[in-house]
Protein backbone atom coordinates (compact mmCIF):
# COMPACT_ATOMS: atom_id res chain seq x y z
CA MET A 1 11.58 -31.16 -2.28
CA SER A 2 12.91 -27.93 -3.79
CA GLU A 3 16.22 -26.46 -2.65
CA LEU A 4 14.40 -23.41 -1.27
CA ASN A 5 12.00 -25.60 0.70
CA LYS A 6 14.98 -27.50 2.17
CA ILE A 7 16.58 -24.23 3.28
CA ALA A 8 13.35 -23.02 4.91
CA LEU A 9 12.91 -26.30 6.77
CA GLN A 10 16.57 -26.34 7.87
CA ILE A 11 16.08 -22.91 9.47
CA LEU A 12 12.79 -23.75 11.22
CA SER A 13 12.83 -27.44 12.13
CA ASN A 14 13.37 -29.14 15.51
CA GLY A 15 12.30 -26.15 17.59
CA LYS A 16 14.95 -23.89 16.08
CA GLY A 17 14.17 -20.25 15.44
CA ILE A 18 15.72 -17.14 13.95
CA LEU A 19 17.86 -14.55 15.71
CA ALA A 20 16.98 -11.16 14.20
CA ALA A 21 20.27 -9.26 14.53
CA ASP A 22 19.58 -7.01 11.56
CA GLU A 23 19.18 -3.70 13.37
CA SER A 24 20.35 -0.83 11.21
CA THR A 25 23.25 1.23 12.53
CA ALA A 26 20.77 3.91 13.66
CA THR A 27 18.58 1.39 15.52
CA MET A 28 21.58 -0.39 17.06
CA THR A 29 22.90 2.98 18.21
CA LYS A 30 19.59 3.61 20.04
CA ARG A 31 19.85 0.17 21.70
CA LEU A 32 23.44 0.79 22.80
CA ASP A 33 22.66 4.35 23.92
CA SER A 34 19.88 2.93 26.12
CA VAL A 35 22.47 0.85 28.03
CA LYS A 36 25.16 3.59 27.92
CA VAL A 37 27.57 1.82 25.56
CA ILE A 38 29.26 3.79 22.76
CA SER A 39 27.92 2.69 19.37
CA ASP A 40 31.00 2.28 17.21
CA GLU A 41 31.68 -0.47 14.69
CA ASN A 42 33.85 -2.44 17.13
CA ASN A 43 31.25 -2.46 19.92
CA ARG A 44 28.44 -3.42 17.55
CA LEU A 45 30.59 -6.28 16.27
CA LEU A 46 31.69 -7.36 19.76
CA PHE A 47 28.12 -7.74 21.03
CA ARG A 48 26.94 -9.58 17.94
CA GLN A 49 29.88 -11.98 17.72
CA THR A 50 29.40 -12.74 21.43
CA LEU A 51 25.90 -14.00 20.60
CA PHE A 52 26.95 -15.74 17.36
CA SER A 53 29.64 -17.78 19.15
CA SER A 54 27.39 -18.91 22.03
CA SER A 55 26.61 -22.59 22.60
CA SER A 56 22.85 -22.19 21.95
CA MET A 57 23.54 -21.29 18.32
CA SER A 58 23.90 -24.97 17.37
CA LYS A 59 20.94 -26.15 19.46
CA CYS A 60 18.40 -23.35 19.11
CA ILE A 61 19.18 -20.95 16.27
CA GLY A 62 18.50 -22.12 12.71
CA GLY A 63 19.19 -18.77 11.08
CA VAL A 64 20.54 -15.29 11.85
CA ILE A 65 19.36 -12.18 10.01
CA LEU A 66 22.23 -9.70 9.56
CA TYR A 67 22.55 -6.06 8.51
CA ASP A 68 24.80 -4.99 5.62
CA GLU A 69 27.57 -3.83 7.98
CA THR A 70 27.69 -7.14 9.85
CA ILE A 71 27.69 -9.56 6.90
CA ARG A 72 30.95 -7.93 5.71
CA GLN A 73 32.74 -8.02 9.09
CA LYS A 74 35.30 -10.45 10.51
CA ALA A 75 35.15 -11.93 13.99
CA SER A 76 38.13 -11.66 16.34
CA ASN A 77 39.15 -15.26 15.47
CA GLY A 78 39.66 -14.25 11.83
CA LYS A 79 36.52 -15.92 10.47
CA THR A 80 34.05 -13.83 8.53
CA ILE A 81 30.74 -13.38 10.36
CA PRO A 82 28.98 -15.71 7.86
CA GLU A 83 31.67 -18.37 8.50
CA LEU A 84 31.23 -17.96 12.26
CA ILE A 85 27.45 -18.43 11.98
CA ASN A 86 27.77 -21.38 9.58
CA SER A 87 30.24 -23.11 11.92
CA SER A 88 27.36 -23.65 14.39
CA GLY A 89 25.13 -25.16 11.69
CA SER A 90 23.05 -21.98 11.48
CA LEU A 91 22.28 -20.25 8.16
CA VAL A 92 22.97 -16.62 7.26
CA GLY A 93 20.18 -14.20 6.37
CA ILE A 94 20.29 -10.56 5.37
CA LYS A 95 17.89 -7.61 5.65
CA VAL A 96 17.56 -6.20 2.14
CA ASP A 97 14.96 -3.43 2.38
CA THR A 98 16.20 0.12 2.82
CA GLY A 99 13.62 1.17 5.38
CA ALA A 100 10.05 2.41 5.66
CA LYS A 101 9.38 5.88 4.21
CA ILE A 102 6.26 8.08 4.08
CA LEU A 103 3.67 6.62 1.72
CA ALA A 104 2.68 9.19 -0.92
CA GLY A 105 -1.08 9.62 -0.75
CA SER A 106 -1.31 8.62 2.92
CA GLU A 107 1.25 10.59 4.87
CA GLU A 108 0.72 8.92 8.25
CA GLU A 109 1.49 5.48 6.77
CA LYS A 110 4.72 3.96 5.49
CA ILE A 111 5.90 2.09 2.40
CA THR A 112 9.07 0.00 2.53
CA GLU A 113 11.65 0.90 -0.11
CA GLY A 114 14.63 -0.94 -1.58
CA LEU A 115 13.52 -2.52 -4.86
CA ASP A 116 15.84 -0.34 -6.98
CA GLY A 117 19.10 -2.22 -7.54
CA LEU A 118 17.89 -5.17 -5.45
CA ARG A 119 18.78 -7.85 -8.02
CA ASP A 120 22.46 -6.83 -8.00
CA ARG A 121 22.56 -6.52 -4.19
CA LEU A 122 21.04 -9.99 -3.82
CA ASN A 123 23.74 -11.50 -6.02
CA ASP A 124 26.39 -9.84 -3.83
CA TYR A 125 24.79 -11.12 -0.62
CA TYR A 126 24.54 -14.64 -2.04
CA LYS A 127 28.29 -14.56 -2.75
CA LEU A 128 28.89 -13.38 0.84
CA GLY A 129 27.08 -16.49 2.12
CA ALA A 130 23.42 -15.48 2.56
CA LYS A 131 20.81 -18.24 2.17
CA PHE A 132 17.75 -16.22 3.12
CA THR A 133 16.62 -12.59 3.27
CA LYS A 134 14.19 -10.29 5.07
CA TRP A 135 11.91 -7.42 4.01
CA ARG A 136 9.54 -5.77 6.49
CA GLY A 137 6.32 -3.99 5.65
CA VAL A 138 4.78 -1.95 8.48
CA TYR A 139 1.11 -1.12 8.94
CA LEU A 140 -0.58 1.30 11.32
CA ILE A 141 -3.80 0.14 12.93
CA SER A 142 -6.64 2.48 13.93
CA ASP A 143 -10.24 3.24 12.89
CA LYS A 144 -9.08 4.22 9.40
CA TYR A 145 -5.75 2.37 9.07
CA PRO A 146 -4.28 0.38 7.49
CA SER A 147 -5.68 1.95 4.34
CA LYS A 148 -6.29 -0.06 1.17
CA LEU A 149 -3.41 1.92 -0.35
CA SER A 150 -1.00 0.82 2.40
CA ILE A 151 -2.17 -2.80 2.28
CA SER A 152 -1.89 -2.97 -1.50
CA SER A 153 1.40 -1.03 -1.86
CA ASN A 154 3.26 -3.00 0.79
CA ALA A 155 1.93 -6.36 -0.45
CA HIS A 156 3.10 -5.53 -3.97
CA ALA A 157 6.58 -4.53 -2.72
CA LEU A 158 6.87 -7.72 -0.61
CA ALA A 159 5.91 -9.86 -3.60
CA ARG A 160 8.33 -8.13 -6.00
CA TYR A 161 11.08 -8.56 -3.41
CA ALA A 162 10.23 -12.24 -2.86
CA ALA A 163 10.31 -13.04 -6.58
CA LEU A 164 13.75 -11.45 -6.95
CA VAL A 165 15.08 -13.28 -3.88
CA GLN A 166 13.94 -16.68 -5.15
CA GLU A 167 15.45 -15.89 -8.56
CA ALA A 168 18.77 -15.36 -6.71
CA GLY A 169 18.48 -18.78 -5.02
CA MET A 170 17.55 -17.59 -1.52
CA VAL A 171 14.50 -17.93 0.74
CA PRO A 172 12.55 -14.69 1.34
CA ILE A 173 11.12 -13.93 4.76
CA ILE A 174 7.80 -12.12 4.20
CA GLU A 175 7.28 -9.78 7.16
CA PRO A 176 4.00 -7.85 7.17
CA GLU A 177 3.93 -6.25 10.64
CA VAL A 178 0.69 -4.77 11.91
CA LEU A 179 2.11 -2.61 14.70
CA MET A 180 1.12 -2.95 18.37
CA ASP A 181 0.94 0.85 18.70
CA GLY A 182 -2.57 2.09 19.48
CA ASN A 183 -5.59 1.30 21.60
CA HIS A 184 -7.26 -1.21 19.27
CA SER A 185 -8.82 -4.46 20.47
CA ALA A 186 -7.46 -7.92 19.71
CA LYS A 187 -10.52 -8.45 17.48
CA ASP A 188 -9.59 -5.35 15.45
CA CYS A 189 -6.04 -6.68 15.18
CA LEU A 190 -7.41 -9.99 13.87
CA ILE A 191 -9.54 -8.29 11.20
CA LYS A 192 -6.77 -5.95 10.00
CA THR A 193 -3.99 -8.56 10.11
CA SER A 194 -6.18 -10.93 8.08
CA GLU A 195 -6.68 -8.26 5.41
CA VAL A 196 -2.93 -7.61 5.27
CA ILE A 197 -1.90 -11.27 5.05
CA ASN A 198 -4.59 -12.07 2.48
CA LYS A 199 -3.38 -9.32 0.18
CA CYS A 200 0.25 -10.41 0.59
CA PHE A 201 -0.53 -13.93 -0.62
CA GLU A 202 -2.66 -12.61 -3.48
CA GLU A 203 0.37 -10.60 -4.68
CA LEU A 204 2.85 -13.44 -4.03
CA GLU A 205 0.81 -15.75 -6.24
CA LEU A 206 0.49 -13.07 -8.94
CA ASN A 207 4.30 -12.78 -8.94
CA ASN A 208 4.76 -16.57 -9.28
CA VAL A 209 6.51 -16.90 -5.93
CA ASP A 210 7.00 -20.52 -4.82
CA LEU A 211 5.16 -20.57 -1.49
CA LYS A 212 7.02 -23.72 -0.41
CA GLY A 213 10.20 -21.65 -0.45
CA ILE A 214 9.22 -18.73 1.79
CA ILE A 215 8.96 -18.07 5.54
CA LEU A 216 6.13 -15.89 6.86
CA LYS A 217 7.05 -13.53 9.72
CA PRO A 218 3.78 -12.06 11.04
CA ASN A 219 2.72 -10.33 14.23
CA MET A 220 0.71 -12.28 16.78
CA ILE A 221 -2.91 -11.16 17.29
CA LEU A 222 -2.74 -8.80 20.28
CA PRO A 223 -4.63 -5.81 21.65
CA GLY A 224 -2.88 -2.47 21.16
CA LYS A 225 -0.32 -1.55 23.78
CA ASN A 226 -2.48 1.45 24.83
CA SER A 227 -5.64 -0.66 25.02
CA SER A 228 -7.29 -1.41 28.35
CA GLU A 229 -8.09 -4.93 27.07
CA LYS A 230 -6.16 -7.68 28.83
CA ILE A 231 -6.30 -11.16 27.30
CA SER A 232 -4.58 -14.41 28.18
CA SER A 233 -1.91 -16.27 26.23
CA GLU A 234 -4.56 -18.90 25.47
CA GLU A 235 -6.81 -16.30 23.83
CA ILE A 236 -3.88 -14.77 21.93
CA ALA A 237 -3.00 -18.24 20.63
CA GLU A 238 -6.58 -18.97 19.54
CA LEU A 239 -6.94 -15.68 17.67
CA THR A 240 -3.50 -15.99 16.06
CA LEU A 241 -4.19 -19.54 14.88
CA GLU A 242 -7.61 -18.49 13.55
CA CYS A 243 -5.94 -15.80 11.46
CA LEU A 244 -3.23 -18.08 10.08
CA LYS A 245 -5.52 -21.02 9.34
CA ASN A 246 -7.89 -18.76 7.40
CA ASP A 247 -5.33 -16.68 5.52
CA VAL A 248 -2.09 -18.61 4.95
CA PRO A 249 -1.93 -21.23 2.15
CA SER A 250 -1.05 -24.71 3.43
CA SER A 251 1.99 -24.93 1.11
CA VAL A 252 3.89 -22.39 3.28
CA PRO A 253 6.38 -24.47 5.33
CA GLY A 254 6.60 -22.34 8.43
CA ILE A 255 5.78 -19.24 10.38
CA ALA A 256 8.37 -17.39 12.48
CA PHE A 257 6.67 -14.78 14.64
CA LEU A 258 8.08 -11.35 15.34
CA SER A 259 8.02 -10.25 18.97
CA GLY A 260 6.78 -6.76 18.11
CA GLY A 261 7.24 -4.96 21.40
CA GLN A 262 6.32 -7.86 23.69
CA THR A 263 8.56 -8.54 26.68
CA GLU A 264 10.83 -11.57 26.56
CA ILE A 265 8.47 -13.57 28.80
CA GLU A 266 5.31 -12.50 26.92
CA ALA A 267 6.83 -13.46 23.55
CA THR A 268 7.88 -16.84 24.96
CA ALA A 269 4.60 -17.60 26.75
CA ASN A 270 2.47 -16.64 23.75
CA LEU A 271 4.56 -18.72 21.34
CA ASN A 272 4.32 -21.66 23.71
CA GLN A 273 0.52 -21.47 23.79
CA ILE A 274 0.36 -21.20 20.00
CA ASN A 275 2.33 -24.45 19.77
CA ILE A 276 0.24 -26.21 22.42
CA LYS A 277 -2.89 -25.36 20.42
CA ASN A 278 -1.35 -25.72 16.95
CA ASP A 279 -3.56 -28.04 14.87
CA THR A 280 -2.03 -27.08 11.51
CA ASN A 281 0.86 -28.47 9.47
CA PHE A 282 2.75 -25.17 9.83
CA ILE A 283 5.94 -25.08 11.87
CA MET A 284 5.38 -22.25 14.39
CA THR A 285 8.58 -20.73 15.72
CA TYR A 286 10.25 -17.40 16.50
CA SER A 287 12.19 -14.70 14.72
CA TYR A 288 12.96 -12.43 17.64
CA GLY A 289 15.25 -9.45 18.04
CA ARG A 290 14.78 -7.73 21.38
CA ALA A 291 12.93 -10.72 22.88
CA LEU A 292 16.14 -12.76 22.42
CA GLN A 293 18.76 -10.09 23.04
CA GLN A 294 17.53 -7.58 25.61
CA SER A 295 18.61 -9.33 28.82
CA ALA A 296 21.96 -10.25 27.29
CA LEU A 297 22.48 -6.65 26.14
CA LYS A 298 21.77 -5.26 29.63
CA PHE A 299 24.18 -7.73 31.23
CA TRP A 300 26.88 -7.15 28.59
CA SER A 301 26.68 -3.37 28.99
CA LYS A 302 27.97 -3.62 32.58
CA ASP A 303 31.22 -5.24 31.35
CA ILE A 304 31.56 -5.62 27.59
CA ASN A 305 34.46 -8.04 28.06
CA ASN A 306 32.39 -10.51 30.09
CA ILE A 307 31.74 -12.76 27.10
CA THR A 308 30.91 -15.95 29.02
CA GLY A 309 28.38 -14.29 31.32
CA THR A 310 26.65 -12.59 28.39
CA GLN A 311 26.48 -15.88 26.49
CA GLU A 312 24.91 -17.63 29.48
CA ILE A 313 22.10 -15.05 29.54
CA PHE A 314 21.56 -15.36 25.77
CA ASP A 315 21.72 -19.17 25.86
CA HIS A 316 19.01 -19.28 28.52
CA ARG A 317 16.68 -17.03 26.50
CA ALA A 318 17.28 -19.02 23.29
CA LYS A 319 16.59 -22.27 25.14
CA MET A 320 13.31 -20.86 26.51
CA CYS A 321 12.21 -19.77 23.03
CA THR A 322 13.08 -23.15 21.55
CA LEU A 323 11.07 -24.92 24.27
CA ALA A 324 8.17 -22.59 23.41
CA ALA A 325 8.53 -23.45 19.72
CA GLN A 326 7.82 -27.05 20.73
CA GLY A 327 5.03 -26.24 23.22
CA LYS A 328 7.26 -27.45 26.07
CA TRP A 329 7.98 -24.20 27.94
CA SER A 330 6.78 -23.46 31.45
CA GLU A 331 7.42 -20.42 33.63
CA ASN A 332 9.15 -22.74 36.11
CA PHE A 333 11.98 -23.19 33.60
CA GLU A 334 12.71 -19.44 33.69
CA ASN A 335 14.32 -19.75 37.11
CA GLN A 336 16.36 -22.88 36.32
CA LYS A 337 19.46 -21.18 34.97
């Protein structure tokens, strides 16, 4: 078993998932503005270290994705943030792309940037304690999107990134996100997501990326949020599994879904059904941001010094997600706090 494969399995095994706490300063400011908390460095750190020192970290969270600001900070107990995360047995990850910009040649679509200088940045992050990384490609979905240009450009960038990350001794998360925005059907989402994932693996293999040492972070197969189509968790699970079985090589150790605009309960229920129906060798777990943090953030905003209460809310959500990652969740558990 390669070192990279061991790291990937350590993050994903035993129902553990990934806490995506890698919001950029701009995005985190929007989140804090929405709950009327001032977004300064101290408040951003206080909320994040509250989560990172919660009891569910050791039981539920295999890895935490950080932003550049956070990986360099110290917690109030004097430990660096990577030391705090490691003390729970969780591994440190880092977002390394520099954001999605307008794609030349298709101005409505985006290309993710950040390859320039990436090798040097990766070496710095490794020294700071990172064991895995994240890069997100985003794809519009409509009658004409994603275009072949968007699919090809983002797949190439993801593969170049992944090769550099493995060279630096870390596990790359490959995140091709077909956005929920739009009025498309679940069937359209299946077709377009399959095209996107297929192209990603074509490029990963071209770039000699070791597929046993990556984690795939895809969207689930869902109708667009403006669509009138309503489908059950069972149908979402069936379509999502169809996509992954057809398009993901069996050597990939695990899949950690993004929540992509789903509510906390939707993201949990859909993951649970995927695991109930999972007839593959892939570990199927979560890499959630808002779907792990939103309730805790709302509670915390009422009294930012109520650390214990905030942690109880977060611990409950993490426990629900970990049950779902094992196909053991039920809505009845939501009320047993």
